[in-house]
Amino acid sequence: MSKKRVIYQSDVVYAGPSPATATHSINSINQLHRVTEINPEWGVTRIDINQMGQLGAIERKVDDINSNLSLKYYATDGYNEKALGLYVNNAGTISYASGEYDMVTPLSGFLSQVTAEKNYFILTVGEGKDAIKPAGTEYTAAERTGEHQVMAIGNGFVSNYSFEAAVGGMATASVSVEGTNTNYALTSSGAYIPAINESGCTSTTTYILPTAHESASALMPSALKAGDIELVFLDSNVVGGASFTSMSVQNFNISIPLAREALKRLNSRLTYSRELKFPITATIGMSANLSDITEGTLASLLCNDQNNDLLLKLYDSNCVNVSGNCSHGTPALAFYIKNANLSSQKFSNSIGSTAKTVDLSWEVQMGGIGDYTKGVFISGSDTVL
């Protein structure tokens, strides 16, 4: 019997191993957790074949296929970022007491091609059922072959990663993926992976999706809220304006655009790779209630254009009481922005507004694998991946 509808309880998403043509065993496919939006789409680019003496095209040949996926999820401990192929530094090995960090860029795996290309799987289970099973239980064979439906995006490359946290909500991350193929299957066990080779041929490698569970581990936070987020300015604002030390931050966002160039060549029927376009400039934005300003002049940038280091630390809500002091311990997730250029300050005030506000934005270029001097770096407490 066909479904009347599909709602959020029935869907769950997975990321496969790299490269996309690799063996997809049940242990090499990772469920993404705390997902709140799943938006797949595809499109076909065709070339019209016209000739003199005939108004309409005699044929429209397929030139390329694009299968895209966008996701949004609650930020936790870096597990999802790792599953997507971003490099996440181990939070337990980093000292947050000083402003000096030797961290690996999150683009490391993309630059080295180790984690650049993956397949993504969207599982839909039977109507009225939760896709996520209780711990210790597994999908049955009858469920896998009689109820499960899978939409799979092949040869996927992450094309954007962004993070946002605001007062009154939970910290979230958004990801965009560009792929080349989409497969549809009526089973979660034994169907073909969606990856295609450079000649456009589909794969005969099969996959088995692992049973979806609530968390990757017992230590994974359910979500990270604004009240448990600490923003540290590791240096002062040299041009004056808004005082970094006395602002009440309302929201904070980071965007790392990863524009891809579709590579084609003779004897390759479709795009054979989607490589990063350089330079990659990350943007950081913040809105705050303004308290005080500091001395300075914008013209000083002409002679002394200094950079800013920012550290955003997100803690789990479960704090520890030590001798009457509530301590968060190690951050579940942290973003270290190093050597960013302050690009704008915008002040706003009006009758009826709660407070005078300031919007600030920074820019920083992402460096290479061995460049620890600039960029956005991520660390997390996940120990599963």
Protein backbone atom coordinates (compact mmCIF):
# COMPACT_ATOMS: atom_id res chain seq x y z
CA MET A 1 0.00 0.00 0.00
CA SER A 2 1.43 3.40 -0.97
CA LYS A 3 2.16 6.04 1.64
CA LYS A 4 -0.24 8.92 2.18
CA ARG A 5 2.68 11.20 3.06
CA VAL A 6 6.25 11.25 4.36
CA ILE A 7 7.10 13.45 7.36
CA TYR A 8 10.36 14.14 9.20
CA GLN A 9 10.16 11.12 11.52
CA SER A 10 10.61 8.76 8.58
CA ASP A 11 13.77 10.21 7.04
CA VAL A 12 17.41 9.88 8.03
CA VAL A 13 20.58 10.74 6.08
CA TYR A 14 23.99 9.04 5.78
CA ALA A 15 27.40 9.90 4.34
CA GLY A 16 29.44 7.18 2.68
CA PRO A 17 33.22 6.62 2.60
CA SER A 18 35.73 8.26 0.25
CA PRO A 19 36.25 7.87 -2.62
CA ALA A 20 32.67 7.51 -3.85
CA THR A 21 33.56 4.29 -5.69
CA ALA A 22 34.93 2.60 -2.54
CA THR A 23 33.41 -0.47 -0.89
CA HIS A 24 30.33 0.57 1.10
CA SER A 25 30.19 -1.83 4.02
CA ILE A 26 27.74 -1.29 6.87
CA ASN A 27 30.64 -0.05 9.03
CA SER A 28 31.93 2.51 6.52
CA ILE A 29 28.68 4.46 6.13
CA ASN A 30 28.01 7.05 8.83
CA GLN A 31 24.65 8.37 9.93
CA LEU A 32 24.39 12.14 10.32
CA HIS A 33 22.78 13.13 13.61
CA ARG A 34 20.50 15.98 14.76
CA VAL A 35 19.50 16.73 11.15
CA THR A 36 16.60 19.19 10.85
CA GLU A 37 16.42 19.71 7.08
CA ILE A 38 17.15 17.44 4.10
CA ASN A 39 16.73 18.97 0.63
CA PRO A 40 17.86 16.93 -2.40
CA GLU A 41 17.42 18.11 -5.98
CA TRP A 42 18.74 17.33 -9.43
CA GLY A 43 18.89 18.92 -12.85
CA VAL A 44 20.04 18.04 -16.36
CA THR A 45 21.94 20.32 -18.75
CA ARG A 46 21.25 19.64 -22.43
CA ILE A 47 22.80 20.96 -25.65
CA ASP A 48 20.48 21.74 -28.56
CA ILE A 49 21.52 20.33 -31.95
CA ASN A 50 20.25 22.77 -34.60
CA GLN A 51 20.79 22.95 -38.33
CA MET A 52 20.09 25.41 -41.11
CA GLY A 53 16.67 25.02 -42.66
CA GLN A 54 14.95 23.67 -39.55
CA LEU A 55 13.50 25.82 -36.76
CA GLY A 56 13.36 23.25 -33.97
CA ALA A 57 16.35 21.34 -32.62
CA ILE A 58 16.74 17.93 -34.22
CA GLU A 59 17.99 16.54 -30.89
CA ARG A 60 18.84 17.65 -27.36
CA LYS A 61 21.88 15.80 -26.06
CA VAL A 62 22.58 15.46 -22.34
CA ASP A 63 25.76 17.39 -21.49
CA ASP A 64 25.85 17.10 -17.71
CA ILE A 65 23.86 15.89 -14.71
CA ASN A 66 23.82 17.68 -11.37
CA SER A 67 22.52 16.09 -8.17
CA ASN A 68 22.61 18.45 -5.22
CA LEU A 69 21.86 18.11 -1.53
CA SER A 70 21.50 20.68 1.25
CA LEU A 71 21.40 19.78 4.93
CA LYS A 72 20.88 21.60 8.20
CA TYR A 73 21.56 20.15 11.63
CA TYR A 74 22.12 21.10 15.26
CA ALA A 75 25.82 21.51 15.99
CA THR A 76 27.11 19.00 18.55
CA ASP A 77 30.67 17.74 19.01
CA GLY A 78 32.16 17.70 15.51
CA TYR A 79 30.94 14.21 14.58
CA ASN A 80 28.86 15.35 11.60
CA GLU A 81 31.68 17.57 10.35
CA LYS A 82 34.03 14.58 10.37
CA ALA A 83 31.46 12.39 8.60
CA LEU A 84 31.14 15.04 5.88
CA GLY A 85 34.90 15.01 5.32
CA LEU A 86 35.93 18.17 7.19
CA TYR A 87 38.99 17.89 9.43
CA VAL A 88 38.11 18.44 13.09
CA ASN A 89 40.96 18.85 15.56
CA ASN A 90 40.76 16.90 18.82
CA ALA A 91 39.51 19.32 21.48
CA GLY A 92 41.18 17.28 24.22
CA THR A 93 44.66 18.03 22.86
CA ILE A 94 44.22 21.81 22.52
CA SER A 95 44.91 24.34 25.23
CA TYR A 96 42.40 27.19 25.10
CA ALA A 97 44.26 29.23 27.71
CA SER A 98 46.47 31.00 25.19
CA GLY A 99 46.00 32.39 21.72
CA GLU A 100 48.54 30.11 20.05
CA TYR A 101 47.18 27.03 18.31
CA ASP A 102 48.71 24.70 15.74
CA MET A 103 45.53 23.34 14.20
CA VAL A 104 44.88 21.61 10.87
CA THR A 105 42.59 23.36 8.40
CA PRO A 106 39.11 21.79 8.02
CA LEU A 107 39.78 21.62 4.27
CA SER A 108 42.71 19.24 4.72
CA GLY A 109 40.88 16.16 3.43
CA PHE A 110 39.37 18.07 0.53
CA LEU A 111 42.75 19.46 -0.54
CA SER A 112 44.46 16.07 -0.33
CA GLN A 113 41.46 14.30 -1.98
CA VAL A 114 41.29 11.85 0.96
CA THR A 115 37.73 12.87 1.94
CA ALA A 116 36.71 15.03 -1.01
CA GLU A 117 34.18 12.76 -2.75
CA LYS A 118 31.38 10.81 -1.07
CA ASN A 119 27.97 9.32 -1.69
CA TYR A 120 25.00 10.44 0.39
CA PHE A 121 21.96 8.33 1.24
CA ILE A 122 18.49 9.46 2.36
CA LEU A 123 16.53 6.59 3.90
CA THR A 124 12.73 6.69 4.19
CA VAL A 125 11.11 4.03 6.38
CA GLY A 126 7.53 2.79 6.57
CA GLU A 127 4.70 5.22 7.23
CA GLY A 128 4.15 6.00 10.90
CA LYS A 129 7.51 4.53 11.93
CA ASP A 130 10.57 6.29 13.32
CA ALA A 131 13.65 5.95 11.14
CA ILE A 132 15.76 6.02 14.32
CA LYS A 133 15.69 2.78 16.31
CA PRO A 134 16.26 2.38 20.06
CA ALA A 135 19.79 1.43 21.09
CA GLY A 136 20.43 -2.29 20.76
CA THR A 137 17.84 -2.86 18.03
CA GLU A 138 18.38 -3.22 14.28
CA TYR A 139 16.34 -2.96 11.09
CA THR A 140 14.74 -6.28 10.23
CA ALA A 141 15.12 -7.96 6.85
CA ALA A 142 11.40 -7.41 6.24
CA GLU A 143 11.77 -3.68 6.91
CA ARG A 144 14.82 -3.38 4.68
CA THR A 145 13.28 -5.11 1.66
CA GLY A 146 9.57 -4.44 2.17
CA GLU A 147 9.35 -0.89 3.56
CA HIS A 148 12.63 0.99 3.09
CA GLN A 149 13.15 3.41 0.21
CA VAL A 150 16.47 5.14 -0.50
CA MET A 151 17.38 8.22 -2.51
CA ALA A 152 21.16 8.30 -3.01
CA ILE A 153 23.31 11.17 -4.34
CA GLY A 154 26.52 10.02 -6.04
CA ASN A 155 29.96 11.62 -6.39
CA GLY A 156 29.12 14.37 -3.92
CA PHE A 157 31.50 17.21 -3.04
CA VAL A 158 30.82 19.66 -0.18
CA SER A 159 30.36 23.11 -1.76
CA ASN A 160 29.51 25.19 1.32
CA TYR A 161 29.73 24.95 5.10
CA SER A 162 28.22 27.51 7.44
CA PHE A 163 27.58 27.81 11.16
CA GLU A 164 25.18 30.03 13.07
CA ALA A 165 24.36 30.64 16.72
CA ALA A 166 21.88 33.16 18.12
CA VAL A 167 20.22 34.07 21.39
CA GLY A 168 16.95 32.19 21.80
CA GLY A 169 17.93 29.17 19.71
CA MET A 170 20.36 26.32 19.24
CA ALA A 171 23.60 26.47 17.28
CA THR A 172 23.15 25.05 13.79
CA ALA A 173 25.29 24.14 10.81
CA SER A 174 24.31 24.05 7.14
CA VAL A 175 26.01 22.12 4.35
CA SER A 176 25.61 22.06 0.57
CA VAL A 177 26.75 19.15 -1.60
CA GLU A 178 27.20 19.01 -5.38
CA GLY A 179 26.98 15.56 -6.99
CA THR A 180 26.63 13.91 -10.38
CA ASN A 181 24.01 11.17 -10.08
CA THR A 182 20.94 10.11 -8.12
CA ASN A 183 19.82 6.53 -7.54
CA TYR A 184 16.44 5.42 -6.24
CA ALA A 185 16.07 2.04 -4.55
CA LEU A 186 13.32 0.11 -2.73
CA THR A 187 15.70 -1.48 -0.28
CA SER A 188 18.37 -0.38 2.21
CA SER A 189 20.39 -3.56 1.70
CA GLY A 190 21.96 -4.73 -1.55
CA ALA A 191 21.17 -1.79 -3.87
CA TYR A 192 23.87 -0.28 -6.07
CA ILE A 193 25.80 2.78 -4.88
CA PRO A 194 25.04 5.96 -6.89
CA ALA A 195 28.65 6.65 -7.91
CA ILE A 196 29.47 6.69 -11.60
CA ASN A 197 32.87 6.44 -13.23
CA GLU A 198 34.46 8.91 -15.61
CA SER A 199 32.86 7.32 -18.67
CA GLY A 200 29.41 7.73 -17.15
CA CYS A 201 28.87 4.08 -16.25
CA THR A 202 27.04 3.24 -13.04
CA SER A 203 28.64 1.10 -10.35
CA THR A 204 27.92 -2.54 -9.54
CA THR A 205 29.12 -2.08 -5.94
CA THR A 206 26.30 -2.52 -3.43
CA TYR A 207 25.69 -0.96 -0.03
CA ILE A 208 23.98 -1.75 3.28
CA LEU A 209 22.84 1.18 5.39
CA PRO A 210 23.48 0.83 9.13
CA THR A 211 20.54 1.06 11.51
CA ALA A 212 19.96 4.65 12.55
CA HIS A 213 20.28 5.43 16.27
CA GLU A 214 19.73 8.60 18.27
CA SER A 215 23.39 9.49 18.91
CA ALA A 216 26.83 8.46 17.75
CA SER A 217 27.81 7.99 21.41
CA ALA A 218 26.45 8.53 24.90
CA LEU A 219 28.60 11.68 25.14
CA MET A 220 27.12 13.42 22.10
CA PRO A 221 25.20 16.56 23.19
CA SER A 222 21.57 16.82 22.14
CA ALA A 223 22.28 20.39 20.97
CA LEU A 224 24.35 23.43 21.99
CA LYS A 225 22.44 26.48 23.18
CA ALA A 226 23.38 30.17 23.15
CA GLY A 227 23.73 30.37 26.92
CA ASP A 228 26.60 27.90 26.79
CA ILE A 229 28.56 29.73 24.07
CA GLU A 230 31.59 31.84 24.86
CA LEU A 231 33.10 34.29 22.37
CA VAL A 232 36.66 35.38 23.14
CA PHE A 233 38.44 38.24 21.36
CA LEU A 234 42.12 37.40 21.58
CA ASP A 235 43.21 40.93 20.68
CA SER A 236 41.75 44.43 20.64
CA ASN A 237 40.07 46.47 17.96
CA VAL A 238 42.86 48.71 16.69
CA VAL A 239 40.67 51.02 14.58
CA GLY A 240 38.35 52.04 17.41
CA GLY A 241 34.56 51.87 17.31
CA ALA A 242 32.71 49.11 19.11
CA SER A 243 34.48 47.86 22.23
CA PHE A 244 34.99 44.11 21.93
CA THR A 245 35.10 43.63 25.70
CA SER A 246 31.77 45.28 26.57
CA MET A 247 29.39 44.07 23.83
CA SER A 248 26.44 41.74 24.46
CA VAL A 249 26.61 39.42 21.46
CA GLN A 250 23.24 38.39 20.01
CA ASN A 251 24.26 36.20 17.10
CA PHE A 252 27.38 34.89 15.41
CA ASN A 253 27.87 33.20 12.05
CA ILE A 254 30.68 31.67 10.01
CA SER A 255 30.49 30.88 6.30
CA ILE A 256 33.11 28.93 4.35
CA PRO A 257 32.12 28.94 0.66
CA LEU A 258 33.65 26.02 -1.21
CA ALA A 259 32.84 26.84 -4.83
CA ARG A 260 33.53 23.92 -7.13
CA GLU A 261 34.74 23.87 -10.73
CA ALA A 262 33.29 21.02 -12.79
CA LEU A 263 36.19 19.40 -14.67
CA LYS A 264 35.52 17.80 -18.04
CA ARG A 265 37.72 16.32 -20.74
CA LEU A 266 37.58 14.36 -23.94
CA ASN A 267 36.46 10.76 -23.49
CA SER A 268 34.66 11.66 -20.23
CA ARG A 269 30.92 11.81 -20.82
CA LEU A 270 30.18 13.67 -17.58
CA THR A 271 32.02 15.79 -15.02
CA TYR A 272 34.86 13.64 -13.70
CA SER A 273 35.69 15.81 -10.70
CA ARG A 274 34.58 18.98 -8.92
CA GLU A 275 37.66 20.81 -7.68
CA LEU A 276 37.83 23.73 -5.26
CA LYS A 277 38.12 27.22 -6.68
CA PHE A 278 40.72 29.46 -5.04
CA PRO A 279 41.12 31.70 -3.19
CA ILE A 280 38.62 30.61 -0.54
CA THR A 281 37.54 33.51 1.67
CA ALA A 282 35.61 32.73 4.83
CA THR A 283 33.32 35.40 6.26
CA ILE A 284 32.46 35.90 9.91
CA GLY A 285 29.53 38.01 11.04
CA MET A 286 28.30 39.13 14.43
CA SER A 287 25.50 41.28 15.80
CA ALA A 288 25.63 42.73 19.32
CA ASN A 289 24.07 45.26 21.63
CA LEU A 290 26.56 48.12 21.85
CA SER A 291 27.77 49.37 25.23
CA ASP A 292 30.98 51.37 24.85
CA ILE A 293 33.29 52.47 22.08
CA THR A 294 37.07 52.63 22.02
CA GLU A 295 39.41 55.29 20.69
CA GLY A 296 40.81 54.97 17.20
CA THR A 297 40.61 56.09 13.61
CA LEU A 298 39.71 54.20 10.48
CA ALA A 299 42.56 55.88 8.62
CA SER A 300 45.02 53.94 10.79
CA LEU A 301 44.35 50.92 8.56
CA LEU A 302 46.39 52.56 5.82
CA CYS A 303 49.56 52.29 7.90
CA ASN A 304 48.76 49.52 10.37
CA ASP A 305 46.19 47.02 9.09
CA GLN A 306 46.29 44.55 11.97
CA ASN A 307 44.29 41.34 12.09
CA ASN A 308 41.94 39.88 14.69
CA ASP A 309 41.87 36.44 16.32
CA LEU A 310 38.51 35.17 17.58
CA LEU A 311 37.68 32.03 19.52
CA LEU A 312 34.12 30.70 19.71
CA LYS A 313 33.68 27.95 22.30
CA LEU A 314 30.47 25.93 22.56
CA TYR A 315 29.89 23.86 25.67
CA ASP A 316 27.50 21.06 26.53
CA SER A 317 24.80 22.14 28.99
CA ASN A 318 25.89 19.50 31.50
CA CYS A 319 28.27 21.53 33.66
CA VAL A 320 30.20 20.21 36.65
CA ASN A 321 29.98 21.79 40.12
CA VAL A 322 33.48 21.98 41.59
CA SER A 323 33.68 23.63 45.04
CA GLY A 324 30.69 25.81 44.28
CA ASN A 325 31.88 26.81 40.80
CA CYS A 326 30.06 25.52 37.72
CA SER A 327 32.65 24.53 35.13
CA HIS A 328 31.88 23.63 31.54
CA GLY A 329 35.09 21.68 31.08
CA THR A 330 36.33 21.08 27.53
CA PRO A 331 34.26 22.68 24.74
CA ALA A 332 32.13 20.25 22.75
CA LEU A 333 32.85 22.33 19.65
CA ALA A 334 35.09 25.32 18.99
CA PHE A 335 35.90 27.59 16.07
CA TYR A 336 39.22 29.44 16.05
CA ILE A 337 39.40 32.30 13.54
CA LYS A 338 43.00 33.37 13.04
CA ASN A 339 44.31 36.55 11.39
CA ALA A 340 40.93 37.78 10.14
CA ASN A 341 40.50 41.31 8.75
CA LEU A 342 37.72 43.40 10.23
CA SER A 343 35.88 44.57 7.11
CA SER A 344 32.92 46.53 8.42
CA GLN A 345 31.07 47.95 11.42
CA LYS A 346 27.45 49.04 11.08
CA PHE A 347 25.68 50.86 13.90
CA SER A 348 21.93 51.12 14.27
CA ASN A 349 19.59 52.86 16.70
CA SER A 350 15.99 54.02 16.50
CA ILE A 351 13.05 55.02 18.66
CA GLY A 352 11.42 51.95 20.14
CA SER A 353 14.43 49.70 19.68
CA THR A 354 15.65 47.67 22.64
CA ALA A 355 19.26 48.82 22.35
CA LYS A 356 21.75 50.39 19.99
CA THR A 357 23.27 47.60 17.93
CA VAL A 358 26.42 47.02 15.96
CA ASP A 359 26.97 44.53 13.16
CA LEU A 360 30.57 43.50 12.56
CA SER A 361 32.05 41.38 9.81
CA TRP A 362 35.46 39.84 9.20
CA GLU A 363 37.09 38.10 6.27
CA VAL A 364 39.92 35.58 6.23
CA GLN A 365 41.38 33.45 3.48
CA MET A 366 41.70 29.72 4.10
CA GLY A 367 45.25 28.41 3.94
CA GLY A 368 46.74 25.13 2.76
CA ILE A 369 47.21 21.89 4.70
CA GLY A 370 50.34 23.07 6.52
CA ASP A 371 49.30 26.69 7.00
CA TYR A 372 48.55 27.34 10.69
CA THR A 373 48.76 31.13 10.41
CA LYS A 374 45.33 32.03 9.02
CA GLY A 375 41.86 30.71 8.41
CA VAL A 376 39.00 29.11 10.30
CA PHE A 377 39.87 26.02 12.35
CA ILE A 378 37.45 23.59 13.99
CA SER A 379 37.93 21.43 17.06
CA GLY A 380 35.48 19.00 18.66
CA SER A 381 35.16 16.50 21.47
CA ASP A 382 33.89 13.62 19.31
CA THR A 383 35.96 10.46 19.72
CA VAL A 384 33.88 8.11 17.53
CA LEU A 385 35.25 9.01 14.08
